[in-house]
N, C-alpha and C. Protein backbone atom coordinates (compact mmCIF):
# COMPACT_ATOMS: atom_id res chain seq x y z
N MET A 1 0.83 -1.18 0.00
CA MET A 1 0.00 0.00 0.00
C MET A 1 0.87 1.24 0.00
N ASN A 2 0.34 2.23 -0.61
CA ASN A 2 1.18 3.42 -0.60
C ASN A 2 0.88 4.27 0.61
N LYS A 3 1.76 5.20 0.89
CA LYS A 3 1.71 5.98 2.12
C LYS A 3 0.48 6.88 2.19
N SER A 4 0.00 7.43 1.11
CA SER A 4 -1.15 8.35 1.17
C SER A 4 -2.43 7.60 1.52
N VAL A 5 -2.63 6.37 1.04
CA VAL A 5 -3.82 5.59 1.37
C VAL A 5 -3.78 5.22 2.85
N ARG A 6 -2.62 4.81 3.33
CA ARG A 6 -2.46 4.47 4.73
C ARG A 6 -2.73 5.70 5.62
N LYS A 7 -2.24 6.85 5.22
CA LYS A 7 -2.44 8.08 5.97
C LYS A 7 -3.93 8.44 6.01
N ASN A 8 -4.65 8.27 4.90
CA ASN A 8 -6.08 8.56 4.85
C ASN A 8 -6.86 7.62 5.78
N ARG A 9 -6.48 6.35 5.82
CA ARG A 9 -7.15 5.39 6.70
C ARG A 9 -6.93 5.77 8.17
N ILE A 10 -5.72 6.15 8.51
CA ILE A 10 -5.42 6.53 9.89
C ILE A 10 -6.21 7.79 10.26
N GLU A 11 -6.28 8.73 9.35
CA GLU A 11 -7.06 9.95 9.63
C GLU A 11 -8.54 9.62 9.79
N THR A 12 -9.07 8.74 8.96
CA THR A 12 -10.47 8.34 9.04
C THR A 12 -10.75 7.64 10.37
N ILE A 13 -9.89 6.73 10.74
CA ILE A 13 -10.06 6.02 12.01
C ILE A 13 -9.99 7.01 13.17
N PHE A 14 -9.07 7.94 13.12
CA PHE A 14 -8.93 8.95 14.17
C PHE A 14 -10.21 9.79 14.28
N VAL A 15 -10.75 10.23 13.13
CA VAL A 15 -11.98 11.03 13.13
C VAL A 15 -13.15 10.21 13.70
N LEU A 16 -13.26 8.94 13.34
CA LEU A 16 -14.33 8.09 13.86
C LEU A 16 -14.18 7.89 15.37
N MET A 17 -12.97 7.75 15.85
CA MET A 17 -12.74 7.58 17.29
C MET A 17 -13.14 8.86 18.05
N VAL A 18 -12.76 10.02 17.51
CA VAL A 18 -13.14 11.28 18.14
C VAL A 18 -14.66 11.43 18.16
N PHE A 19 -15.32 11.06 17.06
CA PHE A 19 -16.77 11.12 17.00
C PHE A 19 -17.40 10.19 18.04
N CYS A 20 -16.88 8.98 18.19
CA CYS A 20 -17.42 8.02 19.16
C CYS A 20 -17.25 8.55 20.59
N VAL A 21 -16.11 9.15 20.89
CA VAL A 21 -15.89 9.72 22.22
C VAL A 21 -16.88 10.87 22.44
N PHE A 22 -17.09 11.71 21.44
CA PHE A 22 -18.05 12.81 21.55
C PHE A 22 -19.47 12.28 21.78
N ALA A 23 -19.87 11.27 21.00
CA ALA A 23 -21.21 10.69 21.13
C ALA A 23 -21.40 10.07 22.51
N ALA A 24 -20.39 9.38 23.02
CA ALA A 24 -20.48 8.78 24.36
C ALA A 24 -20.60 9.87 25.43
N SER A 25 -19.89 10.96 25.26
CA SER A 25 -19.96 12.07 26.22
C SER A 25 -21.35 12.69 26.21
N VAL A 26 -21.91 12.90 25.03
CA VAL A 26 -23.26 13.47 24.93
C VAL A 26 -24.28 12.55 25.61
N LEU A 27 -24.21 11.25 25.36
CA LEU A 27 -25.14 10.31 25.99
C LEU A 27 -25.01 10.31 27.51
N THR A 28 -23.77 10.37 27.99
CA THR A 28 -23.54 10.40 29.43
C THR A 28 -24.16 11.66 30.06
N VAL A 29 -23.94 12.80 29.43
CA VAL A 29 -24.50 14.04 29.94
C VAL A 29 -26.03 13.99 29.92
N LEU A 30 -26.63 13.47 28.86
CA LEU A 30 -28.08 13.36 28.78
C LEU A 30 -28.65 12.45 29.86
N MET A 31 -27.99 11.32 30.11
CA MET A 31 -28.47 10.39 31.14
C MET A 31 -28.36 11.02 32.53
N LEU A 32 -27.27 11.71 32.80
CA LEU A 32 -27.11 12.38 34.08
C LEU A 32 -28.13 13.50 34.24
N GLY A 33 -28.36 14.26 33.19
CA GLY A 33 -29.34 15.34 33.23
C GLY A 33 -30.75 14.81 33.49
N GLY A 34 -31.10 13.70 32.87
CA GLY A 34 -32.42 13.09 33.10
C GLY A 34 -32.58 12.63 34.54
N SER A 35 -31.53 12.07 35.08
CA SER A 35 -31.56 11.63 36.48
C SER A 35 -31.73 12.81 37.43
N VAL A 36 -30.99 13.89 37.18
CA VAL A 36 -31.10 15.09 38.02
C VAL A 36 -32.51 15.66 37.92
N TYR A 37 -33.06 15.72 36.71
CA TYR A 37 -34.41 16.23 36.53
C TYR A 37 -35.43 15.38 37.29
N SER A 38 -35.32 14.06 37.21
CA SER A 38 -36.25 13.17 37.92
C SER A 38 -36.20 13.40 39.42
N ASN A 39 -34.99 13.51 39.96
CA ASN A 39 -34.85 13.73 41.40
C ASN A 39 -35.42 15.08 41.82
N THR A 40 -35.15 16.11 41.02
CA THR A 40 -35.66 17.45 41.33
C THR A 40 -37.19 17.48 41.27
N ALA A 41 -37.76 16.86 40.27
CA ALA A 41 -39.22 16.82 40.15
C ALA A 41 -39.85 16.06 41.31
N ALA A 42 -39.22 14.96 41.72
CA ALA A 42 -39.75 14.19 42.85
C ALA A 42 -39.70 15.00 44.14
N LEU A 43 -38.60 15.71 44.36
CA LEU A 43 -38.47 16.51 45.58
C LEU A 43 -39.44 17.68 45.60
N SER A 44 -39.65 18.32 44.46
CA SER A 44 -40.56 19.47 44.44
C SER A 44 -42.01 19.03 44.58
N GLY A 45 -42.34 17.83 44.10
CA GLY A 45 -43.70 17.32 44.22
C GLY A 45 -44.01 16.79 45.61
N GLU A 46 -42.96 16.44 46.36
CA GLU A 46 -43.13 15.90 47.70
C GLU A 46 -43.70 16.98 48.62
N GLY A 47 -44.83 16.71 49.21
CA GLY A 47 -45.45 17.66 50.13
C GLY A 47 -46.25 18.76 49.45
N TYR A 48 -46.40 18.67 48.13
CA TYR A 48 -47.14 19.71 47.40
C TYR A 48 -48.57 19.84 47.93
N ASP A 49 -49.26 18.70 48.09
CA ASP A 49 -50.65 18.74 48.54
C ASP A 49 -50.77 19.36 49.93
N GLU A 50 -49.84 19.02 50.81
CA GLU A 50 -49.90 19.54 52.17
C GLU A 50 -49.66 21.05 52.17
N ARG A 51 -48.65 21.50 51.42
CA ARG A 51 -48.39 22.94 51.36
C ARG A 51 -49.56 23.68 50.74
N THR A 52 -50.14 23.12 49.70
CA THR A 52 -51.29 23.74 49.04
C THR A 52 -52.48 23.81 49.99
N CYS A 53 -52.70 22.75 50.74
CA CYS A 53 -53.80 22.70 51.70
C CYS A 53 -53.65 23.80 52.74
N LEU A 54 -52.48 23.94 53.32
CA LEU A 54 -52.26 24.97 54.34
C LEU A 54 -52.31 26.37 53.75
N SER A 55 -51.81 26.54 52.54
CA SER A 55 -51.88 27.85 51.88
C SER A 55 -53.33 28.24 51.60
N TYR A 56 -54.13 27.27 51.22
CA TYR A 56 -55.55 27.53 50.96
C TYR A 56 -56.23 28.01 52.24
N ILE A 57 -55.98 27.31 53.34
CA ILE A 57 -56.59 27.69 54.62
C ILE A 57 -56.13 29.10 55.01
N TRP A 58 -54.83 29.35 54.87
CA TRP A 58 -54.29 30.67 55.22
C TRP A 58 -54.97 31.78 54.42
N SER A 59 -55.12 31.58 53.12
CA SER A 59 -55.72 32.63 52.29
C SER A 59 -57.20 32.82 52.63
N LYS A 60 -57.93 31.75 52.94
CA LYS A 60 -59.34 31.89 53.31
C LYS A 60 -59.47 32.69 54.60
N VAL A 61 -58.62 32.40 55.58
CA VAL A 61 -58.68 33.13 56.85
C VAL A 61 -58.27 34.58 56.64
N LYS A 62 -57.20 34.79 55.90
CA LYS A 62 -56.69 36.15 55.68
C LYS A 62 -57.73 37.02 54.97
N ASN A 63 -58.44 36.45 54.01
CA ASN A 63 -59.43 37.23 53.24
C ASN A 63 -60.74 37.44 53.99
N SER A 64 -60.98 36.68 55.04
CA SER A 64 -62.27 36.75 55.71
C SER A 64 -62.16 37.06 57.19
N ASP A 65 -61.00 37.38 57.67
CA ASP A 65 -60.78 37.52 59.11
C ASP A 65 -61.30 38.85 59.64
N ALA A 66 -62.43 38.77 60.31
CA ALA A 66 -62.97 39.92 61.03
C ALA A 66 -63.06 39.51 62.50
N ALA A 67 -63.09 40.46 63.37
CA ALA A 67 -63.06 40.18 64.81
C ALA A 67 -64.14 39.18 65.22
N GLY A 68 -63.72 38.06 65.79
CA GLY A 68 -64.63 37.04 66.30
C GLY A 68 -65.27 36.15 65.26
N ASN A 69 -64.89 36.29 64.01
CA ASN A 69 -65.56 35.52 62.95
C ASN A 69 -64.83 34.25 62.52
N VAL A 70 -63.67 33.98 63.10
CA VAL A 70 -62.94 32.75 62.76
C VAL A 70 -62.78 31.94 64.04
N PHE A 71 -63.28 30.71 64.02
CA PHE A 71 -63.24 29.88 65.22
C PHE A 71 -63.34 28.41 64.83
N LEU A 72 -63.12 27.54 65.80
CA LEU A 72 -63.28 26.10 65.58
C LEU A 72 -64.69 25.69 65.94
N ASP A 73 -65.23 24.76 65.18
CA ASP A 73 -66.57 24.24 65.43
C ASP A 73 -66.49 22.73 65.26
N GLU A 74 -67.33 22.00 65.96
CA GLU A 74 -67.37 20.55 65.79
C GLU A 74 -68.78 20.14 65.40
N ILE A 75 -68.88 19.51 64.24
CA ILE A 75 -70.18 19.08 63.72
C ILE A 75 -70.02 17.64 63.25
N GLU A 76 -70.95 16.80 63.66
CA GLU A 76 -70.94 15.38 63.31
C GLU A 76 -69.60 14.74 63.67
N GLY A 77 -69.00 15.17 64.77
CA GLY A 77 -67.75 14.58 65.24
C GLY A 77 -66.51 15.04 64.50
N VAL A 78 -66.64 16.02 63.60
CA VAL A 78 -65.51 16.52 62.82
C VAL A 78 -65.22 17.95 63.25
N THR A 79 -63.96 18.20 63.63
CA THR A 79 -63.56 19.55 63.99
C THR A 79 -63.31 20.34 62.72
N MET A 80 -63.93 21.51 62.63
CA MET A 80 -63.89 22.32 61.42
C MET A 80 -63.47 23.74 61.74
N LEU A 81 -62.87 24.39 60.77
CA LEU A 81 -62.58 25.80 60.87
C LEU A 81 -63.79 26.53 60.32
N ALA A 82 -64.38 27.39 61.14
CA ALA A 82 -65.58 28.13 60.73
C ALA A 82 -65.23 29.60 60.54
N ILE A 83 -65.73 30.16 59.45
CA ILE A 83 -65.52 31.57 59.14
C ILE A 83 -66.90 32.18 58.87
N LEU A 84 -67.28 33.13 59.72
CA LEU A 84 -68.56 33.81 59.54
C LEU A 84 -68.37 35.08 58.73
N GLU A 85 -69.37 35.39 57.92
CA GLU A 85 -69.34 36.65 57.17
C GLU A 85 -70.76 37.08 56.87
N GLU A 86 -70.94 38.37 56.79
CA GLU A 86 -72.25 38.93 56.50
C GLU A 86 -72.31 39.31 55.03
N VAL A 87 -73.37 38.85 54.36
CA VAL A 87 -73.58 39.17 52.95
C VAL A 87 -75.01 39.68 52.80
N ASN A 88 -75.15 40.91 52.38
CA ASN A 88 -76.47 41.54 52.20
C ASN A 88 -77.35 41.40 53.45
N GLY A 89 -76.77 41.61 54.61
CA GLY A 89 -77.53 41.57 55.85
C GLY A 89 -77.80 40.19 56.39
N ARG A 90 -77.34 39.15 55.74
CA ARG A 90 -77.55 37.77 56.21
C ARG A 90 -76.21 37.16 56.59
N MET A 91 -76.20 36.33 57.63
CA MET A 91 -74.97 35.69 58.08
C MET A 91 -74.78 34.36 57.35
N PHE A 92 -73.58 34.19 56.82
CA PHE A 92 -73.18 32.96 56.16
C PHE A 92 -71.95 32.40 56.86
N ARG A 93 -71.75 31.10 56.69
CA ARG A 93 -70.64 30.43 57.34
C ARG A 93 -69.90 29.58 56.31
N THR A 94 -68.60 29.73 56.30
CA THR A 94 -67.74 28.86 55.50
C THR A 94 -67.09 27.87 56.45
N LEU A 95 -67.25 26.60 56.18
CA LEU A 95 -66.62 25.55 56.99
C LEU A 95 -65.53 24.90 56.16
N ILE A 96 -64.36 24.78 56.75
CA ILE A 96 -63.24 24.10 56.11
C ILE A 96 -62.89 22.91 56.99
N TYR A 97 -62.87 21.72 56.38
CA TYR A 97 -62.66 20.51 57.18
C TYR A 97 -62.07 19.39 56.33
N TYR A 98 -61.56 18.39 57.05
CA TYR A 98 -61.00 17.19 56.42
C TYR A 98 -62.02 16.08 56.57
N TYR A 99 -62.31 15.41 55.45
CA TYR A 99 -63.24 14.31 55.49
C TYR A 99 -62.91 13.33 54.36
N ASP A 100 -62.78 12.08 54.70
CA ASP A 100 -62.63 11.00 53.73
C ASP A 100 -61.45 11.24 52.76
N GLY A 101 -60.32 11.75 53.29
CA GLY A 101 -59.12 11.93 52.46
C GLY A 101 -59.06 13.23 51.68
N TRP A 102 -60.03 14.11 51.89
CA TRP A 102 -60.10 15.36 51.13
C TRP A 102 -60.26 16.56 52.06
N LEU A 103 -59.75 17.69 51.61
CA LEU A 103 -60.06 18.96 52.25
C LEU A 103 -61.35 19.45 51.61
N TYR A 104 -62.31 19.78 52.44
CA TYR A 104 -63.62 20.24 51.97
C TYR A 104 -63.86 21.68 52.38
N GLU A 105 -64.70 22.35 51.62
CA GLU A 105 -65.22 23.66 52.00
C GLU A 105 -66.73 23.64 51.78
N LEU A 106 -67.44 24.18 52.76
CA LEU A 106 -68.89 24.25 52.66
C LEU A 106 -69.32 25.67 53.01
N PHE A 107 -69.98 26.32 52.08
CA PHE A 107 -70.50 27.68 52.28
C PHE A 107 -72.01 27.58 52.36
N SER A 108 -72.57 28.05 53.48
CA SER A 108 -74.03 27.98 53.64
C SER A 108 -74.49 29.05 54.62
N ARG A 109 -75.80 29.18 54.75
CA ARG A 109 -76.34 30.09 55.76
C ARG A 109 -75.81 29.64 57.11
N ALA A 110 -75.58 30.58 58.01
CA ALA A 110 -74.95 30.27 59.29
C ALA A 110 -75.77 29.29 60.12
N ALA A 111 -77.08 29.36 60.02
CA ALA A 111 -77.94 28.51 60.84
C ALA A 111 -78.13 27.11 60.26
N LEU A 112 -77.69 26.88 59.03
CA LEU A 112 -77.92 25.60 58.37
C LEU A 112 -76.64 24.78 58.27
N PHE A 113 -76.83 23.47 58.24
CA PHE A 113 -75.73 22.57 57.92
C PHE A 113 -76.31 21.43 57.11
N PRO A 114 -76.12 21.46 55.80
CA PRO A 114 -76.75 20.45 54.95
C PRO A 114 -76.14 19.05 55.05
N GLY A 115 -75.05 18.90 55.74
CA GLY A 115 -74.43 17.58 55.89
C GLY A 115 -72.96 17.62 55.50
N ILE A 116 -72.19 16.77 56.13
CA ILE A 116 -70.75 16.79 55.96
C ILE A 116 -70.33 16.46 54.52
N GLU A 117 -71.11 15.65 53.85
CA GLU A 117 -70.78 15.26 52.47
C GLU A 117 -71.22 16.30 51.44
N SER A 118 -71.89 17.34 51.88
CA SER A 118 -72.39 18.37 50.96
C SER A 118 -71.33 19.38 50.56
N GLY A 119 -70.19 19.37 51.24
CA GLY A 119 -69.14 20.33 50.94
C GLY A 119 -68.49 20.08 49.59
N GLN A 120 -67.74 21.05 49.15
CA GLN A 120 -67.02 20.97 47.88
C GLN A 120 -65.61 20.43 48.15
N ARG A 121 -65.24 19.38 47.44
CA ARG A 121 -63.88 18.86 47.56
C ARG A 121 -62.90 19.88 47.00
N ILE A 122 -61.84 20.14 47.77
CA ILE A 122 -60.84 21.11 47.34
C ILE A 122 -59.57 20.41 46.85
N ILE A 123 -58.96 19.59 47.71
CA ILE A 123 -57.73 18.90 47.33
C ILE A 123 -57.59 17.63 48.16
N LYS A 124 -57.11 16.57 47.51
CA LYS A 124 -56.85 15.32 48.22
C LYS A 124 -55.59 15.54 49.05
N THR A 125 -55.65 15.14 50.32
CA THR A 125 -54.54 15.41 51.21
C THR A 125 -54.45 14.36 52.31
N GLU A 126 -53.36 14.42 53.02
CA GLU A 126 -53.20 13.59 54.22
C GLU A 126 -54.17 14.14 55.28
N PRO A 127 -54.40 13.38 56.35
CA PRO A 127 -55.33 13.87 57.38
C PRO A 127 -54.96 15.26 57.91
N LEU A 128 -55.95 16.11 57.98
CA LEU A 128 -55.81 17.49 58.46
C LEU A 128 -56.48 17.58 59.83
N VAL A 129 -55.76 18.15 60.78
CA VAL A 129 -56.28 18.26 62.14
C VAL A 129 -56.29 19.73 62.54
N PHE A 130 -57.45 20.20 63.00
CA PHE A 130 -57.57 21.54 63.57
C PHE A 130 -57.62 21.38 65.09
N GLU A 131 -56.89 22.24 65.79
CA GLU A 131 -56.94 22.18 67.25
C GLU A 131 -56.72 23.56 67.85
N ASP A 132 -57.25 23.73 69.04
CA ASP A 132 -57.07 24.97 69.79
C ASP A 132 -55.67 24.93 70.39
N ALA A 133 -54.81 25.88 70.01
CA ALA A 133 -53.44 25.91 70.50
C ALA A 133 -53.28 26.82 71.71
N GLY A 134 -54.38 27.34 72.24
CA GLY A 134 -54.33 28.22 73.40
C GLY A 134 -54.02 29.65 73.01
N ASP A 135 -54.31 30.57 73.89
CA ASP A 135 -54.07 32.00 73.67
C ASP A 135 -54.74 32.53 72.39
N GLY A 136 -55.87 31.94 72.03
CA GLY A 136 -56.59 32.40 70.85
C GLY A 136 -56.07 31.86 69.54
N LEU A 137 -55.04 31.01 69.57
CA LEU A 137 -54.46 30.46 68.34
C LEU A 137 -55.19 29.19 67.91
N ILE A 138 -55.29 29.02 66.61
CA ILE A 138 -55.82 27.79 66.02
C ILE A 138 -54.68 27.16 65.24
N LYS A 139 -54.48 25.87 65.46
CA LYS A 139 -53.39 25.17 64.79
C LYS A 139 -53.98 24.18 63.79
N ALA A 140 -53.52 24.28 62.54
CA ALA A 140 -53.90 23.33 61.50
C ALA A 140 -52.65 22.52 61.17
N THR A 141 -52.76 21.18 61.25
CA THR A 141 -51.61 20.31 61.01
C THR A 141 -51.99 19.27 59.96
N VAL A 142 -51.10 19.12 58.98
CA VAL A 142 -51.27 18.09 57.96
C VAL A 142 -49.90 17.51 57.64
N ASP A 143 -49.77 16.21 57.83
CA ASP A 143 -48.54 15.48 57.52
C ASP A 143 -47.29 16.12 58.16
N GLY A 144 -47.40 16.52 59.40
CA GLY A 144 -46.26 17.08 60.12
C GLY A 144 -46.01 18.56 59.87
N ARG A 145 -46.72 19.16 58.95
CA ARG A 145 -46.59 20.60 58.68
C ARG A 145 -47.73 21.31 59.40
N SER A 146 -47.40 22.43 60.02
CA SER A 146 -48.41 23.14 60.82
C SER A 146 -48.55 24.58 60.37
N LEU A 147 -49.74 25.09 60.61
CA LEU A 147 -50.06 26.49 60.36
C LEU A 147 -50.73 27.02 61.61
N LEU A 148 -50.21 28.11 62.14
CA LEU A 148 -50.83 28.75 63.29
C LEU A 148 -51.65 29.94 62.80
N ILE A 149 -52.91 29.94 63.20
CA ILE A 149 -53.84 31.00 62.81
C ILE A 149 -54.17 31.81 64.06
N TYR A 150 -54.00 33.10 63.98
CA TYR A 150 -54.35 33.98 65.10
C TYR A 150 -55.48 34.88 64.65
N PRO A 151 -56.73 34.42 64.88
CA PRO A 151 -57.86 35.23 64.45
C PRO A 151 -57.97 36.53 65.25
N ARG A 152 -58.53 37.53 64.62
CA ARG A 152 -58.74 38.80 65.32
C ARG A 152 -59.77 38.60 66.41
N GLN A 153 -59.53 39.24 67.53
CA GLN A 153 -60.44 39.11 68.69
C GLN A 153 -61.37 40.29 68.77
């Protein structure tokens, strides 16, 4: 064989080897990136429902908190967060409670309670517990995360 053909073969082999190394590097980076993305997505999704549940409660109390209108109530053996508000001269009550794996909200006339299953499902969540934390505080706990509510007196 002559020297120029041999030189061309060596150059071709060298170029193919460089390409293979580049392709392997790209695949490695893609696999690592996919793994990092999966872990990040799993971590950000962890506890999403619980955080959303507590944020929902916080916003409902914050938007409706008038002196003496936020308190705990127990109906049909379920402790509920009750928020009273006056609309066109009539008193209405919003009840927020945990029932059957869901956070519920029920808006009705203050004197009525159509039943625990009549509420609107808000979000599926771990068990939510409302309790009196003393000194006028209401504590909402879901899956180890807590929210302290200090209603206006």
